[in-house]
PDB file of N, CA and C in Angstrom:
ATOM      1  N   UNK A   1      13.589  11.926  10.154  1.00  0.00           N
ATOM      2  CA  UNK A   1      13.960  13.168   9.504  1.00  0.00           C
ATOM      3  C   UNK A   1      13.916  12.969   7.991  1.00  0.00           C
ATOM      4  N   UNK A   2      13.359  13.924   7.297  1.00  0.00           N
ATOM      5  CA  UNK A   2      13.227  13.832   5.839  1.00  0.00           C
ATOM      6  C   UNK A   2      14.522  14.244   5.150  1.00  0.00           C
ATOM      7  N   UNK A   3      14.784  13.554   4.061  1.00  0.00           N
ATOM      8  CA  UNK A   3      15.950  13.890   3.250  1.00  0.00           C
ATOM      9  C   UNK A   3      15.659  15.126   2.412  1.00  0.00           C
ATOM     10  N   UNK A   4      16.720  15.803   2.016  1.00  0.00           N
ATOM     11  CA  UNK A   4      16.597  16.970   1.138  1.00  0.00           C
ATOM     12  C   UNK A   4      16.319  16.499  -0.280  1.00  0.00           C
ATOM     13  N   UNK A   5      15.620  17.172  -1.125  1.00  0.00           N
ATOM     14  CA  UNK A   5      14.871  18.373  -0.790  1.00  0.00           C
ATOM     15  C   UNK A   5      13.558  18.006  -0.098  1.00  0.00           C
ATOM     16  N   UNK A   6      13.237  18.709   0.952  1.00  0.00           N
ATOM     17  CA  UNK A   6      11.996  18.463   1.686  1.00  0.00           C
ATOM     18  C   UNK A   6      10.813  18.985   0.870  1.00  0.00           C
ATOM     19  N   UNK A   7       9.702  18.235   0.882  1.00  0.00           N
ATOM     20  CA  UNK A   7       8.521  18.733   0.174  1.00  0.00           C
ATOM     21  C   UNK A   7       7.940  19.927   0.933  1.00  0.00           C
ATOM     22  N   UNK A   8       7.260  20.818   0.242  1.00  0.00           N
ATOM     23  CA  UNK A   8       6.640  21.961   0.927  1.00  0.00           C
ATOM     24  C   UNK A   8       5.645  21.493   1.982  1.00  0.00           C
ATOM     25  N   UNK A   9       5.490  22.272   3.044  1.00  0.00           N
ATOM     26  CA  UNK A   9       4.580  21.939   4.137  1.00  0.00           C
ATOM     27  C   UNK A   9       3.178  21.656   3.603  1.00  0.00           C
ATOM     28  N   UNK A  10       2.732  22.455   2.640  1.00  0.00           N
ATOM     29  CA  UNK A  10       1.365  22.286   2.138  1.00  0.00           C
ATOM     30  C   UNK A  10       1.175  20.936   1.459  1.00  0.00           C
ATOM     31  N   UNK A  11       2.220  20.428   0.829  1.00  0.00           N
ATOM     32  CA  UNK A  11       2.138  19.107   0.190  1.00  0.00           C
ATOM     33  C   UNK A  11       1.951  18.028   1.239  1.00  0.00           C
ATOM     34  N   UNK A  12       2.768  18.065   2.271  1.00  0.00           N
ATOM     35  CA  UNK A  12       2.673  17.083   3.347  1.00  0.00           C
ATOM     36  C   UNK A  12       1.328  17.200   4.047  1.00  0.00           C
ATOM     37  N   UNK A  13       0.894  18.435   4.325  1.00  0.00           N
ATOM     38  CA  UNK A  13      -0.394  18.654   4.995  1.00  0.00           C
ATOM     39  C   UNK A  13      -1.542  18.095   4.160  1.00  0.00           C
ATOM     40  N   UNK A  14      -1.480  18.274   2.844  1.00  0.00           N
ATOM     41  CA  UNK A  14      -2.537  17.763   1.958  1.00  0.00           C
ATOM     42  C   UNK A  14      -2.570  16.244   1.972  1.00  0.00           C
ATOM     43  N   UNK A  15      -1.411  15.620   1.925  1.00  0.00           N
ATOM     44  CA  UNK A  15      -1.348  14.157   1.947  1.00  0.00           C
ATOM     45  C   UNK A  15      -1.928  13.632   3.255  1.00  0.00           C
ATOM     46  N   UNK A  16      -1.527  14.228   4.373  1.00  0.00           N
ATOM     47  CA  UNK A  16      -2.028  13.776   5.670  1.00  0.00           C
ATOM     48  C   UNK A  16      -3.528  14.006   5.789  1.00  0.00           C
ATOM     49  N   UNK A  17      -4.023  15.147   5.318  1.00  0.00           N
ATOM     50  CA  UNK A  17      -5.461  15.424   5.373  1.00  0.00           C
ATOM     51  C   UNK A  17      -6.227  14.396   4.542  1.00  0.00           C
ATOM     52  N   UNK A  18      -5.720  14.072   3.350  1.00  0.00           N
ATOM     53  CA  UNK A  18      -6.382  13.063   2.513  1.00  0.00           C
ATOM     54  C   UNK A  18      -6.391  11.696   3.188  1.00  0.00           C
ATOM     55  N   UNK A  19      -5.273  11.311   3.793  1.00  0.00           N
ATOM     56  CA  UNK A  19      -5.215  10.019   4.490  1.00  0.00           C
ATOM     57  C   UNK A  19      -6.156  10.004   5.694  1.00  0.00           C
ATOM     58  N   UNK A  20      -6.263  11.141   6.372  1.00  0.00           N
ATOM     59  CA  UNK A  20      -7.209  11.240   7.496  1.00  0.00           C
ATOM     60  C   UNK A  20      -8.649  11.126   6.996  1.00  0.00           C
ATOM     61  N   UNK A  21      -8.974  11.820   5.918  1.00  0.00           N
ATOM     62  CA  UNK A  21     -10.330  11.774   5.351  1.00  0.00           C
ATOM     63  C   UNK A  21     -10.713  10.382   4.878  1.00  0.00           C
ATOM     64  N   UNK A  22      -9.727   9.606   4.429  1.00  0.00           N
ATOM     65  CA  UNK A  22      -9.981   8.244   3.957  1.00  0.00           C
ATOM     66  C   UNK A  22      -9.998   7.234   5.105  1.00  0.00           C
ATOM     67  N   UNK A  23      -9.723   7.697   6.335  1.00  0.00           N
ATOM     68  CA  UNK A  23      -9.792   6.810   7.480  1.00  0.00           C
ATOM     69  C   UNK A  23      -8.513   6.057   7.784  1.00  0.00           C
ATOM     70  N   UNK A  24      -7.394   6.494   7.224  1.00  0.00           N
ATOM     71  CA  UNK A  24      -6.127   5.810   7.459  1.00  0.00           C
ATOM     72  C   UNK A  24      -5.334   6.407   8.614  1.00  0.00           C
ATOM     73  N   UNK A  25      -5.621   7.670   8.959  1.00  0.00           N
ATOM     74  CA  UNK A  25      -4.906   8.345  10.043  1.00  0.00           C
ATOM     75  C   UNK A  25      -5.893   8.969  11.018  1.00  0.00           C
ATOM     76  N   UNK A  26      -5.450   9.133  12.268  1.00  0.00           N
ATOM     77  CA  UNK A  26      -6.184   9.930  13.244  1.00  0.00           C
ATOM     78  C   UNK A  26      -5.305  11.129  13.592  1.00  0.00           C
ATOM     79  N   UNK A  27      -5.949  12.210  13.994  1.00  0.00           N
ATOM     80  CA  UNK A  27      -5.214  13.432  14.311  1.00  0.00           C
ATOM     81  C   UNK A  27      -5.622  13.917  15.691  1.00  0.00           C
ATOM     82  N   UNK A  28      -4.625  14.314  16.481  1.00  0.00           N
ATOM     83  CA  UNK A  28      -4.867  14.958  17.779  1.00  0.00           C
ATOM     84  C   UNK A  28      -4.091  16.256  17.799  1.00  0.00           C
ATOM     85  N   UNK A  29      -4.691  17.246  18.415  1.00  0.00           N
ATOM     86  CA  UNK A  29      -4.031  18.546  18.506  1.00  0.00           C
ATOM     87  C   UNK A  29      -3.482  18.736  19.915  1.00  0.00           C
ATOM     88  N   UNK A  30      -2.276  19.227  19.990  1.00  0.00           N
ATOM     89  CA  UNK A  30      -1.644  19.629  21.239  1.00  0.00           C
ATOM     90  C   UNK A  30      -1.169  21.059  21.031  1.00  0.00           C
ATOM     91  N   UNK A  31      -2.031  22.013  21.358  1.00  0.00           N
ATOM     92  CA  UNK A  31      -1.707  23.416  21.084  1.00  0.00           C
ATOM     93  C   UNK A  31      -1.667  23.643  19.596  1.00  0.00           C
ATOM     94  N   UNK A  32      -0.524  24.118  19.103  1.00  0.00           N
ATOM     95  CA  UNK A  32      -0.378  24.362  17.667  1.00  0.00           C
ATOM     96  C   UNK A  32       0.136  23.142  16.909  1.00  0.00           C
ATOM     97  N   UNK A  33       0.370  22.053  17.616  1.00  0.00           N
ATOM     98  CA  UNK A  33       0.962  20.860  17.014  1.00  0.00           C
ATOM     99  C   UNK A  33      -0.125  19.833  16.703  1.00  0.00           C
ATOM    100  N   UNK A  34      -0.072  19.267  15.507  1.00  0.00           N
ATOM    101  CA  UNK A  34      -0.968  18.180  15.120  1.00  0.00           C
ATOM    102  C   UNK A  34      -0.154  16.891  15.138  1.00  0.00           C
ATOM    103  N   UNK A  35      -0.685  15.892  15.843  1.00  0.00           N
ATOM    104  CA  UNK A  35      -0.016  14.594  15.919  1.00  0.00           C
ATOM    105  C   UNK A  35      -0.890  13.579  15.184  1.00  0.00           C
ATOM    106  N   UNK A  36      -0.310  12.956  14.180  1.00  0.00           N
ATOM    107  CA  UNK A  36      -1.028  11.964  13.386  1.00  0.00           C
ATOM    108  C   UNK A  36      -0.545  10.569  13.768  1.00  0.00           C
ATOM    109  N   UNK A  37      -1.490   9.649  13.823  1.00  0.00           N
ATOM    110  CA  UNK A  37      -1.164   8.245  14.087  1.00  0.00           C
ATOM    111  C   UNK A  37      -1.934   7.373  13.106  1.00  0.00           C
ATOM    112  N   UNK A  38      -1.356   6.224  12.760  1.00  0.00           N
ATOM    113  CA  UNK A  38      -2.092   5.324  11.856  1.00  0.00           C
ATOM    114  C   UNK A  38      -3.345   4.790  12.533  1.00  0.00           C
ATOM    115  N   UNK A  39      -4.414   4.746  11.777  1.00  0.00           N
ATOM    116  CA  UNK A  39      -5.687   4.225  12.277  1.00  0.00           C
ATOM    117  C   UNK A  39      -5.839   2.740  11.954  1.00  0.00           C
ATOM    118  N   UNK A  40      -5.124   2.292  10.922  1.00  0.00           N
ATOM    119  CA  UNK A  40      -5.173   0.886  10.536  1.00  0.00           C
ATOM    120  C   UNK A  40      -3.745   0.355  10.483  1.00  0.00           C
ATOM    121  N   UNK A  41      -3.613  -0.946  10.491  1.00  0.00           N
ATOM    122  CA  UNK A  41      -2.284  -1.564  10.452  1.00  0.00           C
ATOM    123  C   UNK A  41      -1.666  -1.440   9.056  1.00  0.00           C
ATOM    124  N   UNK A  42      -0.375  -1.633   9.005  1.00  0.00           N
ATOM    125  CA  UNK A  42       0.324  -1.610   7.719  1.00  0.00           C
ATOM    126  C   UNK A  42      -0.220  -2.710   6.803  1.00  0.00           C
ATOM    127  N   UNK A  43      -0.477  -3.877   7.382  1.00  0.00           N
ATOM    128  CA  UNK A  43      -0.998  -5.000   6.586  1.00  0.00           C
ATOM    129  C   UNK A  43      -2.373  -4.663   6.003  1.00  0.00           C
ATOM    130  N   UNK A  44      -3.225  -4.023   6.807  1.00  0.00           N
ATOM    131  CA  UNK A  44      -4.558  -3.648   6.323  1.00  0.00           C
ATOM    132  C   UNK A  44      -4.450  -2.607   5.211  1.00  0.00           C
ATOM    133  N   UNK A  45      -3.517  -1.660   5.350  1.00  0.00           N
ATOM    134  CA  UNK A  45      -3.327  -0.650   4.301  1.00  0.00           C
ATOM    135  C   UNK A  45      -2.827  -1.299   3.016  1.00  0.00           C
ATOM    136  N   UNK A  46      -1.867  -2.210   3.142  1.00  0.00           N
ATOM    137  CA  UNK A  46      -1.342  -2.889   1.950  1.00  0.00           C
ATOM    138  C   UNK A  46      -2.446  -3.656   1.231  1.00  0.00           C
ATOM    139  N   UNK A  47      -3.290  -4.338   2.009  1.00  0.00           N
ATOM    140  CA  UNK A  47      -4.399  -5.082   1.421  1.00  0.00           C
ATOM    141  C   UNK A  47      -5.336  -4.141   0.670  1.00  0.00           C
ATOM    142  N   UNK A  48      -5.676  -3.028   1.312  1.00  0.00           N
ATOM    143  CA  UNK A  48      -6.572  -2.043   0.688  1.00  0.00           C
ATOM    144  C   UNK A  48      -5.950  -1.470  -0.582  1.00  0.00           C
ATOM    145  N   UNK A  49      -4.681  -1.072  -0.487  1.00  0.00           N
ATOM    146  CA  UNK A  49      -3.991  -0.462  -1.624  1.00  0.00           C
ATOM    147  C   UNK A  49      -3.874  -1.437  -2.789  1.00  0.00           C
ATOM    148  N   UNK A  50      -3.409  -2.657  -2.504  1.00  0.00           N
ATOM    149  CA  UNK A  50      -3.213  -3.637  -3.564  1.00  0.00           C
ATOM    150  C   UNK A  50      -4.546  -4.035  -4.199  1.00  0.00           C
ATOM    151  N   UNK A  51      -5.597  -4.126  -3.394  1.00  0.00           N
ATOM    152  CA  UNK A  51      -6.922  -4.431  -3.948  1.00  0.00           C
ATOM    153  C   UNK A  51      -7.334  -3.374  -4.961  1.00  0.00           C
ATOM    154  N   UNK A  52      -7.043  -2.109  -4.648  1.00  0.00           N
ATOM    155  CA  UNK A  52      -7.360  -1.025  -5.577  1.00  0.00           C
ATOM    156  C   UNK A  52      -6.556  -1.121  -6.857  1.00  0.00           C
ATOM    157  N   UNK A  53      -5.273  -1.453  -6.747  1.00  0.00           N
ATOM    158  CA  UNK A  53      -4.418  -1.602  -7.929  1.00  0.00           C
ATOM    159  C   UNK A  53      -4.938  -2.735  -8.808  1.00  0.00           C
ATOM    160  N   UNK A  54      -5.242  -3.868  -8.180  1.00  0.00           N
ATOM    161  CA  UNK A  54      -5.729  -5.027  -8.938  1.00  0.00           C
ATOM    162  C   UNK A  54      -7.063  -4.693  -9.611  1.00  0.00           C
ATOM    163  N   UNK A  55      -7.944  -4.021  -8.886  1.00  0.00           N
ATOM    164  CA  UNK A  55      -9.252  -3.668  -9.445  1.00  0.00           C
ATOM    165  C   UNK A  55      -9.113  -2.690 -10.609  1.00  0.00           C
ATOM    166  N   UNK A  56      -8.271  -1.672 -10.442  1.00  0.00           N
ATOM    167  CA  UNK A  56      -8.194  -0.601 -11.444  1.00  0.00           C
ATOM    168  C   UNK A  56      -7.287  -0.904 -12.630  1.00  0.00           C
ATOM    169  N   UNK A  57      -6.280  -1.741 -12.441  1.00  0.00           N
ATOM    170  CA  UNK A  57      -5.303  -1.948 -13.507  1.00  0.00           C
ATOM    171  C   UNK A  57      -5.254  -3.378 -14.050  1.00  0.00           C
ATOM    172  N   UNK A  58      -5.851  -4.329 -13.334  1.00  0.00           N
ATOM    173  CA  UNK A  58      -5.747  -5.730 -13.742  1.00  0.00           C
ATOM    174  C   UNK A  58      -7.109  -6.405 -13.798  1.00  0.00           C
ATOM    175  N   UNK A  59      -8.145  -5.631 -14.083  1.00  0.00           N
ATOM    176  CA  UNK A  59      -9.507  -6.165 -14.235  1.00  0.00           C
ATOM    177  C   UNK A  59      -9.924  -7.037 -13.055  1.00  0.00           C
ATOM    178  N   UNK A  60      -9.497  -6.636 -11.861  1.00  0.00           N
ATOM    179  CA  UNK A  60      -9.846  -7.334 -10.618  1.00  0.00           C
ATOM    180  C   UNK A  60      -9.356  -8.782 -10.613  1.00  0.00           C
ATOM    181  N   UNK A  61      -8.222  -9.030 -11.291  1.00  0.00           N
ATOM    182  CA  UNK A  61      -7.685 -10.386 -11.413  1.00  0.00           C
ATOM    183  C   UNK A  61      -6.254 -10.433 -10.876  1.00  0.00           C
ATOM    184  N   UNK A  62      -6.069 -11.172  -9.790  1.00  0.00           N
ATOM    185  CA  UNK A  62      -4.719 -11.347  -9.244  1.00  0.00           C
ATOM    186  C   UNK A  62      -3.867 -12.188 -10.192  1.00  0.00           C
ATOM    187  N   UNK A  63      -4.508 -13.046 -10.956  1.00  0.00           N
ATOM    188  CA  UNK A  63      -3.786 -13.826 -11.979  1.00  0.00           C
ATOM    189  C   UNK A  63      -3.156 -12.886 -12.995  1.00  0.00           C
ATOM    190  N   UNK A  64      -3.901 -11.866 -13.403  1.00  0.00           N
ATOM    191  CA  UNK A  64      -3.375 -10.888 -14.356  1.00  0.00           C
ATOM    192  C   UNK A  64      -2.217 -10.094 -13.747  1.00  0.00           C
ATOM    193  N   UNK A  65      -2.292  -9.808 -12.466  1.00  0.00           N
ATOM    194  CA  UNK A  65      -1.213  -9.101 -11.774  1.00  0.00           C
ATOM    195  C   UNK A  65       0.069  -9.927 -11.809  1.00  0.00           C
ATOM    196  N   UNK A  66      -0.019 -11.187 -11.407  1.00  0.00           N
ATOM    197  CA  UNK A  66       1.155 -12.061 -11.394  1.00  0.00           C
ATOM    198  C   UNK A  66       1.659 -12.275 -12.817  1.00  0.00           C
ATOM    199  N   UNK A  67       0.741 -12.453 -13.755  1.00  0.00           N
ATOM    200  CA  UNK A  67       1.112 -12.641 -15.157  1.00  0.00           C
ATOM    201  C   UNK A  67       1.879 -11.428 -15.691  1.00  0.00           C
ATOM    202  N   UNK A  68       1.434 -10.244 -15.314  1.00  0.00           N
ATOM    203  CA  UNK A  68       2.112  -9.021 -15.738  1.00  0.00           C
ATOM    204  C   UNK A  68       3.565  -9.020 -15.282  1.00  0.00           C
ATOM    205  N   UNK A  69       3.783  -9.331 -14.001  1.00  0.00           N
ATOM    206  CA  UNK A  69       5.148  -9.323 -13.482  1.00  0.00           C
ATOM    207  C   UNK A  69       5.988 -10.441 -14.091  1.00  0.00           C
ATOM    208  N   UNK A  70       5.369 -11.566 -14.386  1.00  0.00           N
ATOM    209  CA  UNK A  70       6.099 -12.655 -15.035  1.00  0.00           C
ATOM    210  C   UNK A  70       6.515 -12.245 -16.449  1.00  0.00           C
ATOM    211  N   UNK A  71       5.590 -11.646 -17.187  1.00  0.00           N
ATOM    212  CA  UNK A  71       5.895 -11.218 -18.556  1.00  0.00           C
ATOM    213  C   UNK A  71       6.957 -10.126 -18.585  1.00  0.00           C
ATOM    214  N   UNK A  72       6.935  -9.253 -17.605  1.00  0.00           N
ATOM    215  CA  UNK A  72       7.911  -8.158 -17.528  1.00  0.00           C
ATOM    216  C   UNK A  72       9.237  -8.623 -16.926  1.00  0.00           C
ATOM    217  N   UNK A  73       9.302  -9.916 -16.611  1.00  0.00           N
ATOM    218  CA  UNK A  73      10.492 -10.534 -16.012  1.00  0.00           C
ATOM    219  C   UNK A  73      10.892  -9.856 -14.706  1.00  0.00           C
ATOM    220  N   UNK A  74       9.870  -9.472 -13.930  1.00  0.00           N
ATOM    221  CA  UNK A  74      10.088  -8.873 -12.614  1.00  0.00           C
ATOM    222  C   UNK A  74      10.016  -9.917 -11.512  1.00  0.00           C
ATOM    223  N   UNK A  75       9.635 -11.142 -11.894  1.00  0.00           N
ATOM    224  CA  UNK A  75       9.540 -12.238 -10.933  1.00  0.00           C
ATOM    225  C   UNK A  75      10.190 -13.463 -11.590  1.00  0.00           C
ATOM    226  N   UNK A  76      10.971 -14.200 -10.800  1.00  0.00           N
ATOM    227  CA  UNK A  76      11.680 -15.357 -11.348  1.00  0.00           C
ATOM    228  C   UNK A  76      10.826 -16.618 -11.233  1.00  0.00           C
ATOM    229  N   UNK A  77      11.269 -17.661 -11.898  1.00  0.00           N
ATOM    230  CA  UNK A  77      10.586 -18.957 -11.816  1.00  0.00           C
ATOM    231  C   UNK A  77      10.571 -19.458 -10.380  1.00  0.00           C
ATOM    232  N   UNK A  78      11.696 -19.298  -9.690  1.00  0.00           N
ATOM    233  CA  UNK A  78      11.764 -19.726  -8.282  1.00  0.00           C
ATOM    234  C   UNK A  78      10.766 -18.958  -7.430  1.00  0.00           C
ATOM    235  N   UNK A  79      10.638 -17.660  -7.684  1.00  0.00           N
ATOM    236  CA  UNK A  79       9.672 -16.865  -6.924  1.00  0.00           C
ATOM    237  C   UNK A  79       8.240 -17.293  -7.232  1.00  0.00           C
ATOM    238  N   UNK A  80       7.959 -17.612  -8.496  1.00  0.00           N
ATOM    239  CA  UNK A  80       6.621 -18.093  -8.848  1.00  0.00           C
ATOM    240  C   UNK A  80       6.320 -19.422  -8.166  1.00  0.00           C
ATOM    241  N   UNK A  81       7.315 -20.308  -8.104  1.00  0.00           N
ATOM    242  CA  UNK A  81       7.127 -21.581  -7.402  1.00  0.00           C
ATOM    243  C   UNK A  81       6.869 -21.349  -5.921  1.00  0.00           C
ATOM    244  N   UNK A  82       7.562 -20.381  -5.345  1.00  0.00           N
ATOM    245  CA  UNK A  82       7.340 -20.065  -3.929  1.00  0.00           C
ATOM    246  C   UNK A  82       5.941 -19.502  -3.712  1.00  0.00           C
ATOM    247  N   UNK A  83       5.470 -18.681  -4.642  1.00  0.00           N
ATOM    248  CA  UNK A  83       4.111 -18.145  -4.557  1.00  0.00           C
ATOM    249  C   UNK A  83       3.100 -19.287  -4.596  1.00  0.00           C
ATOM    250  N   UNK A  84       3.315 -20.253  -5.479  1.00  0.00           N
ATOM    251  CA  UNK A  84       2.419 -21.411  -5.579  1.00  0.00           C
ATOM    252  C   UNK A  84       2.414 -22.182  -4.263  1.00  0.00           C
ATOM    253  N   UNK A  85       3.600 -22.401  -3.686  1.00  0.00           N
ATOM    254  CA  UNK A  85       3.672 -23.100  -2.391  1.00  0.00           C
ATOM    255  C   UNK A  85       2.926 -22.328  -1.295  1.00  0.00           C
ATOM    256  N   UNK A  86       3.073 -21.015  -1.281  1.00  0.00           N
ATOM    257  CA  UNK A  86       2.370 -20.197  -0.290  1.00  0.00           C
ATOM    258  C   UNK A  86       0.854 -20.319  -0.440  1.00  0.00           C
ATOM    259  N   UNK A  87       0.388 -20.303  -1.687  1.00  0.00           N
ATOM    260  CA  UNK A  87      -1.052 -20.448  -1.945  1.00  0.00           C
ATOM    261  C   UNK A  87      -1.536 -21.816  -1.489  1.00  0.00           C
ATOM    262  N   UNK A  88      -0.793 -22.856  -1.841  1.00  0.00           N
ATOM    263  CA  UNK A  88      -1.192 -24.210  -1.451  1.00  0.00           C
ATOM    264  C   UNK A  88      -1.193 -24.367   0.068  1.00  0.00           C
ATOM    265  N   UNK A  89      -0.200 -23.828   0.751  1.00  0.00           N
ATOM    266  CA  UNK A  89      -0.138 -23.928   2.214  1.00  0.00           C
ATOM    267  C   UNK A  89      -1.245 -23.122   2.881  1.00  0.00           C
ATOM    268  N   UNK A  90      -1.642 -22.013   2.288  1.00  0.00           N
ATOM    269  CA  UNK A  90      -2.711 -21.197   2.858  1.00  0.00           C
ATOM    270  C   UNK A  90      -4.058 -21.894   2.771  1.00  0.00           C
ATOM    271  N   UNK A  91      -4.202 -22.791   1.807  1.00  0.00           N
ATOM    272  CA  UNK A  91      -5.468 -23.519   1.621  1.00  0.00           C
ATOM    273  C   UNK A  91      -5.613 -24.696   2.574  1.00  0.00           C
ATOM    274  N   UNK A  92      -4.510 -25.077   3.224  1.00  0.00           N
ATOM    275  CA  UNK A  92      -4.551 -26.248   4.120  1.00  0.00           C
ATOM    276  C   UNK A  92      -5.164 -25.899   5.453  1.00  0.00           C
TER     277      UNK A  92
END
């Protein structure tokens, strides 16, 4: 259930139509009811979304993304060390 204030129906319909057109949702009709379901996983959507952010705002550089958050003090030294460990473990 959506919290108040609820967005107008047309706003929600436009968002869902755009997500369907981009291949993120599927739609089935049951009479007057439209049922939408995700077409891709949450992980796949996050990958797609973040790739777009990195490409459009960080010159396609994940280093620049991490550097931005470090400079803005949005990530701690401990978190950066954990990121390094995750990268090193993923390479093994």
